[in-house]
Amino acid sequence: MQASDLAAQFNLTVVAGKDGQDRTVNGGHCGDLLSEVMANAPVGSVWLTIQTHRNIVAVAVLKEMAAIILTGGNVPDAETRTKADAEGIPIMLSDQRTYDLAGKIYTAGVM
């Protein structure tokens, strides 16, 4: 599954990094502590988080992530969106809680 397929299937709004939507999703990771995500997120994963600052993009690049999903109605600032656009890391938005969305994605066989 590509990041664009994930966005379509789960009604996610892509707000940045649209050029990177062809990235392949190979799993997932939920977490809000950047050091924990850097240590444990699998390469090619989709990352569900409530963090919105620009450092999430740096972590996603480091871990070669397929996309970042901001949950709980959180929205990135302009600087974060600009950085994601430059790096080709899709940032997607969901109003759902991390737990609920992760469960739906997992149940669908994506993670």
PDB file of N, CA and C in Angstrom:
ATOM      1  N   MET A   1       0.845  -1.171   0.000  1.00  0.00           N
ATOM      2  CA  MET A   1       0.000   0.000   0.000  1.00  0.00           C
ATOM      3  C   MET A   1       0.892   1.236   0.000  1.00  0.00           C
ATOM      4  N   GLN A   2       0.501   2.218  -0.770  1.00  0.00           N
ATOM      5  CA  GLN A   2       1.215   3.489  -0.787  1.00  0.00           C
ATOM      6  C   GLN A   2       0.551   4.465   0.185  1.00  0.00           C
ATOM      7  N   ALA A   3       1.297   5.497   0.546  1.00  0.00           N
ATOM      8  CA  ALA A   3       0.768   6.505   1.465  1.00  0.00           C
ATOM      9  C   ALA A   3      -0.533   7.109   0.927  1.00  0.00           C
ATOM     10  N   SER A   4      -0.609   7.316  -0.373  1.00  0.00           N
ATOM     11  CA  SER A   4      -1.838   7.884  -0.958  1.00  0.00           C
ATOM     12  C   SER A   4      -3.029   6.954  -0.766  1.00  0.00           C
ATOM     13  N   ASP A   5      -2.799   5.640  -0.849  1.00  0.00           N
ATOM     14  CA  ASP A   5      -3.879   4.670  -0.627  1.00  0.00           C
ATOM     15  C   ASP A   5      -4.370   4.729   0.815  1.00  0.00           C
ATOM     16  N   LEU A   6      -3.434   4.865   1.728  1.00  0.00           N
ATOM     17  CA  LEU A   6      -3.772   4.975   3.145  1.00  0.00           C
ATOM     18  C   LEU A   6      -4.643   6.202   3.391  1.00  0.00           C
ATOM     19  N   ALA A   7      -4.255   7.326   2.804  1.00  0.00           N
ATOM     20  CA  ALA A   7      -5.027   8.561   2.960  1.00  0.00           C
ATOM     21  C   ALA A   7      -6.447   8.384   2.431  1.00  0.00           C
ATOM     22  N   ALA A   8      -6.570   7.767   1.273  1.00  0.00           N
ATOM     23  CA  ALA A   8      -7.900   7.574   0.681  1.00  0.00           C
ATOM     24  C   ALA A   8      -8.745   6.606   1.500  1.00  0.00           C
ATOM     25  N   GLN A   9      -8.164   5.498   1.918  1.00  0.00           N
ATOM     26  CA  GLN A   9      -8.919   4.471   2.632  1.00  0.00           C
ATOM     27  C   GLN A   9      -9.423   4.943   3.995  1.00  0.00           C
ATOM     28  N   PHE A  10      -8.642   5.798   4.652  1.00  0.00           N
ATOM     29  CA  PHE A  10      -9.000   6.205   6.009  1.00  0.00           C
ATOM     30  C   PHE A  10      -9.413   7.671   6.099  1.00  0.00           C
ATOM     31  N   ASN A  11      -9.723   8.263   4.949  1.00  0.00           N
ATOM     32  CA  ASN A  11     -10.243   9.629   4.882  1.00  0.00           C
ATOM     33  C   ASN A  11      -9.329  10.627   5.596  1.00  0.00           C
ATOM     34  N   LEU A  12      -8.025  10.526   5.305  1.00  0.00           N
ATOM     35  CA  LEU A  12      -7.041  11.419   5.895  1.00  0.00           C
ATOM     36  C   LEU A  12      -6.804  12.598   4.966  1.00  0.00           C
ATOM     37  N   THR A  13      -6.600  13.762   5.522  1.00  0.00           N
ATOM     38  CA  THR A  13      -6.333  14.964   4.744  1.00  0.00           C
ATOM     39  C   THR A  13      -4.824  15.162   4.648  1.00  0.00           C
ATOM     40  N   VAL A  14      -4.307  15.178   3.434  1.00  0.00           N
ATOM     41  CA  VAL A  14      -2.875  15.387   3.223  1.00  0.00           C
ATOM     42  C   VAL A  14      -2.627  16.894   3.158  1.00  0.00           C
ATOM     43  N   VAL A  15      -1.830  17.409   4.107  1.00  0.00           N
ATOM     44  CA  VAL A  15      -1.595  18.848   4.187  1.00  0.00           C
ATOM     45  C   VAL A  15      -0.174  19.247   3.814  1.00  0.00           C
ATOM     46  N   ALA A  16       0.695  18.272   3.623  1.00  0.00           N
ATOM     47  CA  ALA A  16       2.083  18.570   3.253  1.00  0.00           C
ATOM     48  C   ALA A  16       2.725  17.319   2.673  1.00  0.00           C
ATOM     49  N   GLY A  17       3.827  17.523   1.959  1.00  0.00           N
ATOM     50  CA  GLY A  17       4.581  16.398   1.414  1.00  0.00           C
ATOM     51  C   GLY A  17       3.838  15.603   0.366  1.00  0.00           C
ATOM     52  N   LYS A  18       2.971  16.258  -0.372  1.00  0.00           N
ATOM     53  CA  LYS A  18       2.147  15.541  -1.356  1.00  0.00           C
ATOM     54  C   LYS A  18       2.974  14.825  -2.418  1.00  0.00           C
ATOM     55  N   ASP A  19       4.171  15.301  -2.704  1.00  0.00           N
ATOM     56  CA  ASP A  19       5.024  14.644  -3.696  1.00  0.00           C
ATOM     57  C   ASP A  19       5.557  13.301  -3.208  1.00  0.00           C
ATOM     58  N   GLY A  20       5.458  13.022  -1.924  1.00  0.00           N
ATOM     59  CA  GLY A  20       5.958  11.769  -1.373  1.00  0.00           C
ATOM     60  C   GLY A  20       4.885  10.714  -1.167  1.00  0.00           C
ATOM     61  N   GLN A  21       3.699  10.935  -1.699  1.00  0.00           N
ATOM     62  CA  GLN A  21       2.596  10.007  -1.459  1.00  0.00           C
ATOM     63  C   GLN A  21       2.762   8.653  -2.131  1.00  0.00           C
ATOM     64  N   ASP A  22       3.803   8.502  -2.945  1.00  0.00           N
ATOM     65  CA  ASP A  22       4.060   7.204  -3.570  1.00  0.00           C
ATOM     66  C   ASP A  22       4.911   6.303  -2.681  1.00  0.00           C
ATOM     67  N   ARG A  23       5.263   6.773  -1.492  1.00  0.00           N
ATOM     68  CA  ARG A  23       6.049   5.960  -0.556  1.00  0.00           C
ATOM     69  C   ARG A  23       5.242   4.724  -0.138  1.00  0.00           C
ATOM     70  N   THR A  24       5.940   3.605   0.000  1.00  0.00           N
ATOM     71  CA  THR A  24       5.299   2.357   0.393  1.00  0.00           C
ATOM     72  C   THR A  24       5.227   2.243   1.912  1.00  0.00           C
ATOM     73  N   VAL A  25       4.049   1.900   2.411  1.00  0.00           N
ATOM     74  CA  VAL A  25       3.826   1.716   3.850  1.00  0.00           C
ATOM     75  C   VAL A  25       4.154   0.269   4.193  1.00  0.00           C
ATOM     76  N   ASN A  26       5.147   0.094   5.066  1.00  0.00           N
ATOM     77  CA  ASN A  26       5.587  -1.249   5.460  1.00  0.00           C
ATOM     78  C   ASN A  26       5.255  -1.592   6.900  1.00  0.00           C
ATOM     79  N   GLY A  27       4.499  -0.767   7.563  1.00  0.00           N
ATOM     80  CA  GLY A  27       4.159  -1.007   8.956  1.00  0.00           C
ATOM     81  C   GLY A  27       3.775   0.292   9.607  1.00  0.00           C
ATOM     82  N   GLY A  28       3.760   0.295  10.918  1.00  0.00           N
ATOM     83  CA  GLY A  28       3.352   1.503  11.611  1.00  0.00           C
ATOM     84  C   GLY A  28       3.994   1.633  12.967  1.00  0.00           C
ATOM     85  N   HIS A  29       3.887   2.837  13.499  1.00  0.00           N
ATOM     86  CA  HIS A  29       4.413   3.116  14.829  1.00  0.00           C
ATOM     87  C   HIS A  29       3.586   4.239  15.443  1.00  0.00           C
ATOM     88  N   CYS A  30       3.235   4.100  16.696  1.00  0.00           N
ATOM     89  CA  CYS A  30       2.534   5.128  17.448  1.00  0.00           C
ATOM     90  C   CYS A  30       3.447   5.615  18.559  1.00  0.00           C
ATOM     91  N   GLY A  31       3.615   6.915  18.656  1.00  0.00           N
ATOM     92  CA  GLY A  31       4.437   7.444  19.726  1.00  0.00           C
ATOM     93  C   GLY A  31       4.606   8.941  19.619  1.00  0.00           C
ATOM     94  N   ASP A  32       4.828   9.567  20.764  1.00  0.00           N
ATOM     95  CA  ASP A  32       4.966  11.017  20.811  1.00  0.00           C
ATOM     96  C   ASP A  32       6.319  11.469  21.349  1.00  0.00           C
ATOM     97  N   LEU A  33       7.101  10.546  21.849  1.00  0.00           N
ATOM     98  CA  LEU A  33       8.429  10.866  22.345  1.00  0.00           C
ATOM     99  C   LEU A  33       9.422  10.624  21.205  1.00  0.00           C
ATOM    100  N   LEU A  34      10.025  11.696  20.703  1.00  0.00           N
ATOM    101  CA  LEU A  34      10.845  11.598  19.500  1.00  0.00           C
ATOM    102  C   LEU A  34      11.986  10.596  19.645  1.00  0.00           C
ATOM    103  N   SER A  35      12.633  10.570  20.782  1.00  0.00           N
ATOM    104  CA  SER A  35      13.745   9.633  20.958  1.00  0.00           C
ATOM    105  C   SER A  35      13.266   8.185  20.905  1.00  0.00           C
ATOM    106  N   GLU A  36      12.083   7.908  21.416  1.00  0.00           N
ATOM    107  CA  GLU A  36      11.531   6.553  21.370  1.00  0.00           C
ATOM    108  C   GLU A  36      11.210   6.177  19.926  1.00  0.00           C
ATOM    109  N   VAL A  37      10.660   7.104  19.179  1.00  0.00           N
ATOM    110  CA  VAL A  37      10.333   6.843  17.774  1.00  0.00           C
ATOM    111  C   VAL A  37      11.620   6.600  16.986  1.00  0.00           C
ATOM    112  N   MET A  38      12.647   7.412  17.224  1.00  0.00           N
ATOM    113  CA  MET A  38      13.925   7.232  16.526  1.00  0.00           C
ATOM    114  C   MET A  38      14.527   5.864  16.835  1.00  0.00           C
ATOM    115  N   ALA A  39      14.359   5.401  18.044  1.00  0.00           N
ATOM    116  CA  ALA A  39      14.946   4.122  18.440  1.00  0.00           C
ATOM    117  C   ALA A  39      14.146   2.914  17.964  1.00  0.00           C
ATOM    118  N   ASN A  40      12.829   3.068  17.801  1.00  0.00           N
ATOM    119  CA  ASN A  40      11.989   1.880  17.623  1.00  0.00           C
ATOM    120  C   ASN A  40      11.099   1.831  16.382  1.00  0.00           C
ATOM    121  N   ALA A  41      10.891   2.925  15.697  1.00  0.00           N
ATOM    122  CA  ALA A  41      10.005   2.895  14.526  1.00  0.00           C
ATOM    123  C   ALA A  41      10.686   2.161  13.375  1.00  0.00           C
ATOM    124  N   PRO A  42       9.970   1.259  12.719  1.00  0.00           N
ATOM    125  CA  PRO A  42      10.547   0.559  11.584  1.00  0.00           C
ATOM    126  C   PRO A  42      10.681   1.481  10.359  1.00  0.00           C
ATOM    127  N   VAL A  43      11.697   1.213   9.556  1.00  0.00           N
ATOM    128  CA  VAL A  43      11.842   1.932   8.289  1.00  0.00           C
ATOM    129  C   VAL A  43      10.604   1.660   7.441  1.00  0.00           C
ATOM    130  N   GLY A  44      10.108   2.694   6.774  1.00  0.00           N
ATOM    131  CA  GLY A  44       8.945   2.544   5.903  1.00  0.00           C
ATOM    132  C   GLY A  44       7.613   2.566   6.621  1.00  0.00           C
ATOM    133  N   SER A  45       7.637   2.908   7.895  1.00  0.00           N
ATOM    134  CA  SER A  45       6.392   2.898   8.659  1.00  0.00           C
ATOM    135  C   SER A  45       5.610   4.192   8.476  1.00  0.00           C
ATOM    136  N   VAL A  46       4.351   4.116   8.838  1.00  0.00           N
ATOM    137  CA  VAL A  46       3.532   5.309   8.979  1.00  0.00           C
ATOM    138  C   VAL A  46       3.516   5.597  10.476  1.00  0.00           C
ATOM    139  N   TRP A  47       3.715   6.862  10.826  1.00  0.00           N
ATOM    140  CA  TRP A  47       3.873   7.260  12.221  1.00  0.00           C
ATOM    141  C   TRP A  47       2.642   8.038  12.659  1.00  0.00           C
ATOM    142  N   LEU A  48       1.950   7.549  13.670  1.00  0.00           N
ATOM    143  CA  LEU A  48       0.806   8.236  14.250  1.00  0.00           C
ATOM    144  C   LEU A  48       1.268   8.967  15.503  1.00  0.00           C
ATOM    145  N   THR A  49       1.005  10.274  15.566  1.00  0.00           N
ATOM    146  CA  THR A  49       1.477  11.096  16.670  1.00  0.00           C
ATOM    147  C   THR A  49       0.574  12.307  16.864  1.00  0.00           C
ATOM    148  N   ILE A  50       0.718  12.942  18.026  1.00  0.00           N
ATOM    149  CA  ILE A  50       0.043  14.218  18.265  1.00  0.00           C
ATOM    150  C   ILE A  50       1.019  15.383  18.132  1.00  0.00           C
ATOM    151  N   GLN A  51       2.309  15.081  17.951  1.00  0.00           N
ATOM    152  CA  GLN A  51       3.331  16.131  17.824  1.00  0.00           C
ATOM    153  C   GLN A  51       3.149  16.881  16.500  1.00  0.00           C
ATOM    154  N   THR A  52       3.363  18.183  16.527  1.00  0.00           N
ATOM    155  CA  THR A  52       3.145  18.981  15.315  1.00  0.00           C
ATOM    156  C   THR A  52       4.345  19.833  14.910  1.00  0.00           C
ATOM    157  N   HIS A  53       5.395  19.863  15.715  1.00  0.00           N
ATOM    158  CA  HIS A  53       6.528  20.753  15.432  1.00  0.00           C
ATOM    159  C   HIS A  53       7.426  20.169  14.335  1.00  0.00           C
ATOM    160  N   ARG A  54       8.309  20.983  13.799  1.00  0.00           N
ATOM    161  CA  ARG A  54       9.092  20.606  12.626  1.00  0.00           C
ATOM    162  C   ARG A  54      10.027  19.426  12.858  1.00  0.00           C
ATOM    163  N   ASN A  55      10.376  19.137  14.095  1.00  0.00           N
ATOM    164  CA  ASN A  55      11.281  18.012  14.356  1.00  0.00           C
ATOM    165  C   ASN A  55      10.676  16.661  13.991  1.00  0.00           C
ATOM    166  N   ILE A  56       9.364  16.582  13.871  1.00  0.00           N
ATOM    167  CA  ILE A  56       8.757  15.312  13.445  1.00  0.00           C
ATOM    168  C   ILE A  56       9.197  14.958  12.035  1.00  0.00           C
ATOM    169  N   VAL A  57       9.395  15.968  11.207  1.00  0.00           N
ATOM    170  CA  VAL A  57       9.832  15.717   9.833  1.00  0.00           C
ATOM    171  C   VAL A  57      11.267  15.184   9.837  1.00  0.00           C
ATOM    172  N   ALA A  58      12.123  15.751  10.662  1.00  0.00           N
ATOM    173  CA  ALA A  58      13.506  15.277  10.745  1.00  0.00           C
ATOM    174  C   ALA A  58      13.552  13.809  11.175  1.00  0.00           C
ATOM    175  N   VAL A  59      12.730  13.431  12.137  1.00  0.00           N
ATOM    176  CA  VAL A  59      12.676  12.038  12.589  1.00  0.00           C
ATOM    177  C   VAL A  59      12.163  11.149  11.463  1.00  0.00           C
ATOM    178  N   ALA A  60      11.142  11.601  10.756  1.00  0.00           N
ATOM    179  CA  ALA A  60      10.579  10.815   9.648  1.00  0.00           C
ATOM    180  C   ALA A  60      11.611  10.606   8.538  1.00  0.00           C
ATOM    181  N   VAL A  61      12.409  11.620   8.250  1.00  0.00           N
ATOM    182  CA  VAL A  61      13.467  11.485   7.247  1.00  0.00           C
ATOM    183  C   VAL A  61      14.511  10.490   7.731  1.00  0.00           C
ATOM    184  N   LEU A  62      14.936  10.620   8.977  1.00  0.00           N
ATOM    185  CA  LEU A  62      15.941   9.729   9.557  1.00  0.00           C
ATOM    186  C   LEU A  62      15.498   8.272   9.485  1.00  0.00           C
ATOM    187  N   LYS A  63      14.237   8.018   9.759  1.00  0.00           N
ATOM    188  CA  LYS A  63      13.699   6.655   9.788  1.00  0.00           C
ATOM    189  C   LYS A  63      13.095   6.225   8.449  1.00  0.00           C
ATOM    190  N   GLU A  64      13.237   7.064   7.422  1.00  0.00           N
ATOM    191  CA  GLU A  64      12.714   6.764   6.087  1.00  0.00           C
ATOM    192  C   GLU A  64      11.246   6.339   6.148  1.00  0.00           C
ATOM    193  N   MET A  65      10.448   7.128   6.851  1.00  0.00           N
ATOM    194  CA  MET A  65       9.033   6.798   7.043  1.00  0.00           C
ATOM    195  C   MET A  65       8.226   7.060   5.783  1.00  0.00           C
ATOM    196  N   ALA A  66       7.120   6.336   5.678  1.00  0.00           N
ATOM    197  CA  ALA A  66       6.219   6.515   4.541  1.00  0.00           C
ATOM    198  C   ALA A  66       5.364   7.761   4.710  1.00  0.00           C
ATOM    199  N   ALA A  67       4.990   8.081   5.944  1.00  0.00           N
ATOM    200  CA  ALA A  67       4.129   9.236   6.198  1.00  0.00           C
ATOM    201  C   ALA A  67       4.007   9.470   7.696  1.00  0.00           C
ATOM    202  N   ILE A  68       3.546  10.666   8.023  1.00  0.00           N
ATOM    203  CA  ILE A  68       3.214  11.029   9.402  1.00  0.00           C
ATOM    204  C   ILE A  68       1.712  11.302   9.430  1.00  0.00           C
ATOM    205  N   ILE A  69       1.027  10.725  10.390  1.00  0.00           N
ATOM    206  CA  ILE A  69      -0.392  11.026  10.591  1.00  0.00           C
ATOM    207  C   ILE A  69      -0.529  11.732  11.923  1.00  0.00           C
ATOM    208  N   LEU A  70      -1.030  12.955  11.878  1.00  0.00           N
ATOM    209  CA  LEU A  70      -1.312  13.710  13.100  1.00  0.00           C
ATOM    210  C   LEU A  70      -2.741  13.389  13.509  1.00  0.00           C
ATOM    211  N   THR A  71      -2.894  12.897  14.722  1.00  0.00           N
ATOM    212  CA  THR A  71      -4.200  12.466  15.206  1.00  0.00           C
ATOM    213  C   THR A  71      -4.793  13.485  16.174  1.00  0.00           C
ATOM    214  N   GLY A  72      -6.042  13.245  16.555  1.00  0.00           N
ATOM    215  CA  GLY A  72      -6.700  14.075  17.554  1.00  0.00           C
ATOM    216  C   GLY A  72      -7.008  15.490  17.096  1.00  0.00           C
ATOM    217  N   GLY A  73      -7.041  15.721  15.788  1.00  0.00           N
ATOM    218  CA  GLY A  73      -7.334  17.054  15.273  1.00  0.00           C
ATOM    219  C   GLY A  73      -6.141  18.000  15.302  1.00  0.00           C
ATOM    220  N   ASN A  74      -4.966  17.488  15.594  1.00  0.00           N
ATOM    221  CA  ASN A  74      -3.769  18.330  15.619  1.00  0.00           C
ATOM    222  C   ASN A  74      -3.370  18.732  14.209  1.00  0.00           C
ATOM    223  N   VAL A  75      -2.813  19.938  14.089  1.00  0.00           N
ATOM    224  CA  VAL A  75      -2.462  20.514  12.785  1.00  0.00           C
ATOM    225  C   VAL A  75      -1.051  21.088  12.867  1.00  0.00           C
ATOM    226  N   PRO A  76      -0.206  20.803  11.855  1.00  0.00           N
ATOM    227  CA  PRO A  76       1.154  21.342  11.878  1.00  0.00           C
ATOM    228  C   PRO A  76       1.176  22.823  11.515  1.00  0.00           C
ATOM    229  N   ASP A  77       2.190  23.517  12.013  1.00  0.00           N
ATOM    230  CA  ASP A  77       2.338  24.923  11.647  1.00  0.00           C
ATOM    231  C   ASP A  77       2.949  25.030  10.245  1.00  0.00           C
ATOM    232  N   ALA A  78       3.034  26.251   9.748  1.00  0.00           N
ATOM    233  CA  ALA A  78       3.529  26.488   8.389  1.00  0.00           C
ATOM    234  C   ALA A  78       4.967  26.010   8.222  1.00  0.00           C
ATOM    235  N   GLU A  79       5.809  26.208   9.231  1.00  0.00           N
ATOM    236  CA  GLU A  79       7.208  25.794   9.146  1.00  0.00           C
ATOM    237  C   GLU A  79       7.320  24.270   9.004  1.00  0.00           C
ATOM    238  N   THR A  80       6.497  23.549   9.728  1.00  0.00           N
ATOM    239  CA  THR A  80       6.503  22.081   9.646  1.00  0.00           C
ATOM    240  C   THR A  80       6.033  21.631   8.274  1.00  0.00           C
ATOM    241  N   ARG A  81       4.993  22.238   7.752  1.00  0.00           N
ATOM    242  CA  ARG A  81       4.489  21.887   6.422  1.00  0.00           C
ATOM    243  C   ARG A  81       5.537  22.173   5.349  1.00  0.00           C
ATOM    244  N   THR A  82       6.208  23.297   5.462  1.00  0.00           N
ATOM    245  CA  THR A  82       7.244  23.653   4.484  1.00  0.00           C
ATOM    246  C   THR A  82       8.375  22.634   4.504  1.00  0.00           C
ATOM    247  N   LYS A  83       8.805  22.234   5.696  1.00  0.00           N
ATOM    248  CA  LYS A  83       9.878  21.246   5.824  1.00  0.00           C
ATOM    249  C   LYS A  83       9.435  19.895   5.243  1.00  0.00           C
ATOM    250  N   ALA A  84       8.197  19.490   5.501  1.00  0.00           N
ATOM    251  CA  ALA A  84       7.686  18.230   4.958  1.00  0.00           C
ATOM    252  C   ALA A  84       7.616  18.276   3.435  1.00  0.00           C
ATOM    253  N   ASP A  85       7.202  19.413   2.892  1.00  0.00           N
ATOM    254  CA  ASP A  85       7.179  19.566   1.438  1.00  0.00           C
ATOM    255  C   ASP A  85       8.579  19.413   0.856  1.00  0.00           C
ATOM    256  N   ALA A  86       9.548  20.056   1.484  1.00  0.00           N
ATOM    257  CA  ALA A  86      10.932  20.011   0.997  1.00  0.00           C
ATOM    258  C   ALA A  86      11.509  18.597   1.063  1.00  0.00           C
ATOM    259  N   GLU A  87      11.130  17.832   2.072  1.00  0.00           N
ATOM    260  CA  GLU A  87      11.665  16.483   2.266  1.00  0.00           C
ATOM    261  C   GLU A  87      10.816  15.398   1.606  1.00  0.00           C
ATOM    262  N   GLY A  88       9.622  15.758   1.116  1.00  0.00           N
ATOM    263  CA  GLY A  88       8.743  14.774   0.494  1.00  0.00           C
ATOM    264  C   GLY A  88       8.150  13.787   1.480  1.00  0.00           C
ATOM    265  N   ILE A  89       7.921  14.240   2.712  1.00  0.00           N
ATOM    266  CA  ILE A  89       7.306  13.398   3.745  1.00  0.00           C
ATOM    267  C   ILE A  89       5.840  13.808   3.879  1.00  0.00           C
ATOM    268  N   PRO A  90       4.911  12.946   3.480  1.00  0.00           N
ATOM    269  CA  PRO A  90       3.505  13.301   3.622  1.00  0.00           C
ATOM    270  C   PRO A  90       3.094  13.469   5.082  1.00  0.00           C
ATOM    271  N   ILE A  91       2.382  14.543   5.362  1.00  0.00           N
ATOM    272  CA  ILE A  91       1.744  14.731   6.663  1.00  0.00           C
ATOM    273  C   ILE A  91       0.246  14.688   6.417  1.00  0.00           C
ATOM    274  N   MET A  92      -0.415  13.798   7.144  1.00  0.00           N
ATOM    275  CA  MET A  92      -1.854  13.580   7.005  1.00  0.00           C
ATOM    276  C   MET A  92      -2.530  13.886   8.327  1.00  0.00           C
ATOM    277  N   LEU A  93      -3.770  14.315   8.256  1.00  0.00           N
ATOM    278  CA  LEU A  93      -4.513  14.696   9.456  1.00  0.00           C
ATOM    279  C   LEU A  93      -5.716  13.796   9.673  1.00  0.00           C
ATOM    280  N   SER A  94      -5.982  13.536  10.952  1.00  0.00           N
ATOM    281  CA  SER A  94      -7.175  12.799  11.349  1.00  0.00           C
ATOM    282  C   SER A  94      -7.709  13.394  12.649  1.00  0.00           C
ATOM    283  N   ASP A  95      -9.023  13.455  12.767  1.00  0.00           N
ATOM    284  CA  ASP A  95      -9.649  13.898  14.008  1.00  0.00           C
ATOM    285  C   ASP A  95      -9.733  12.765  15.030  1.00  0.00           C
ATOM    286  N   GLN A  96      -9.473  11.536  14.588  1.00  0.00           N
ATOM    287  CA  GLN A  96      -9.587  10.384  15.478  1.00  0.00           C
ATOM    288  C   GLN A  96      -8.436  10.341  16.477  1.00  0.00           C
ATOM    289  N   ARG A  97      -8.693   9.684  17.609  1.00  0.00           N
ATOM    290  CA  ARG A  97      -7.629   9.453  18.585  1.00  0.00           C
ATOM    291  C   ARG A  97      -6.635   8.457  17.994  1.00  0.00           C
ATOM    292  N   THR A  98      -5.387   8.549  18.431  1.00  0.00           N
ATOM    293  CA  THR A  98      -4.337   7.657  17.931  1.00  0.00           C
ATOM    294  C   THR A  98      -4.743   6.196  18.090  1.00  0.00           C
ATOM    295  N   TYR A  99      -5.214   5.835  19.259  1.00  0.00           N
ATOM    296  CA  TYR A  99      -5.592   4.456  19.552  1.00  0.00           C
ATOM    297  C   TYR A  99      -6.645   3.951  18.569  1.00  0.00           C
ATOM    298  N   ASP A 100      -7.677   4.757  18.347  1.00  0.00           N
ATOM    299  CA  ASP A 100      -8.772   4.343  17.470  1.00  0.00           C
ATOM    300  C   ASP A 100      -8.309   4.175  16.026  1.00  0.00           C
ATOM    301  N   LEU A 101      -7.562   5.143  15.513  1.00  0.00           N
ATOM    302  CA  LEU A 101      -7.110   5.073  14.133  1.00  0.00           C
ATOM    303  C   LEU A 101      -6.109   3.935  13.942  1.00  0.00           C
ATOM    304  N   ALA A 102      -5.197   3.766  14.873  1.00  0.00           N
ATOM    305  CA  ALA A 102      -4.223   2.663  14.765  1.00  0.00           C
ATOM    306  C   ALA A 102      -4.951   1.315  14.726  1.00  0.00           C
ATOM    307  N   GLY A 103      -5.969   1.170  15.539  1.00  0.00           N
ATOM    308  CA  GLY A 103      -6.744  -0.070  15.539  1.00  0.00           C
ATOM    309  C   GLY A 103      -7.407  -0.322  14.202  1.00  0.00           C
ATOM    310  N   LYS A 104      -7.965   0.708  13.604  1.00  0.00           N
ATOM    311  CA  LYS A 104      -8.625   0.556  12.296  1.00  0.00           C
ATOM    312  C   LYS A 104      -7.602   0.214  11.211  1.00  0.00           C
ATOM    313  N   ILE A 105      -6.462   0.875  11.242  1.00  0.00           N
ATOM    314  CA  ILE A 105      -5.435   0.601  10.240  1.00  0.00           C
ATOM    315  C   ILE A 105      -4.900  -0.824  10.415  1.00  0.00           C
ATOM    316  N   TYR A 106      -4.674  -1.215  11.642  1.00  0.00           N
ATOM    317  CA  TYR A 106      -4.178  -2.570  11.924  1.00  0.00           C
ATOM    318  C   TYR A 106      -5.195  -3.621  11.485  1.00  0.00           C
ATOM    319  N   THR A 107      -6.456  -3.400  11.824  1.00  0.00           N
ATOM    320  CA  THR A 107      -7.522  -4.346  11.462  1.00  0.00           C
ATOM    321  C   THR A 107      -7.644  -4.507   9.955  1.00  0.00           C
ATOM    322  N   ALA A 108      -7.365  -3.425   9.227  1.00  0.00           N
ATOM    323  CA  ALA A 108      -7.437  -3.471   7.768  1.00  0.00           C
ATOM    324  C   ALA A 108      -6.228  -4.181   7.161  1.00  0.00           C
ATOM    325  N   GLY A 109      -5.277  -4.571   8.002  1.00  0.00           N
ATOM    326  CA  GLY A 109      -4.123  -5.331   7.516  1.00  0.00           C
ATOM    327  C   GLY A 109      -2.981  -4.478   7.005  1.00  0.00           C
ATOM    328  N   VAL A 110      -2.998  -3.194   7.291  1.00  0.00           N
ATOM    329  CA  VAL A 110      -1.950  -2.301   6.801  1.00  0.00           C
ATOM    330  C   VAL A 110      -0.700  -2.425   7.666  1.00  0.00           C
ATOM    331  N   MET A 111      -0.870  -2.551   8.960  1.00  0.00           N
ATOM    332  CA  MET A 111       0.292  -2.606   9.868  1.00  0.00           C
ATOM    333  C   MET A 111       0.502  -4.020  10.346  1.00  0.00           C
TER     334      MET A 111
END
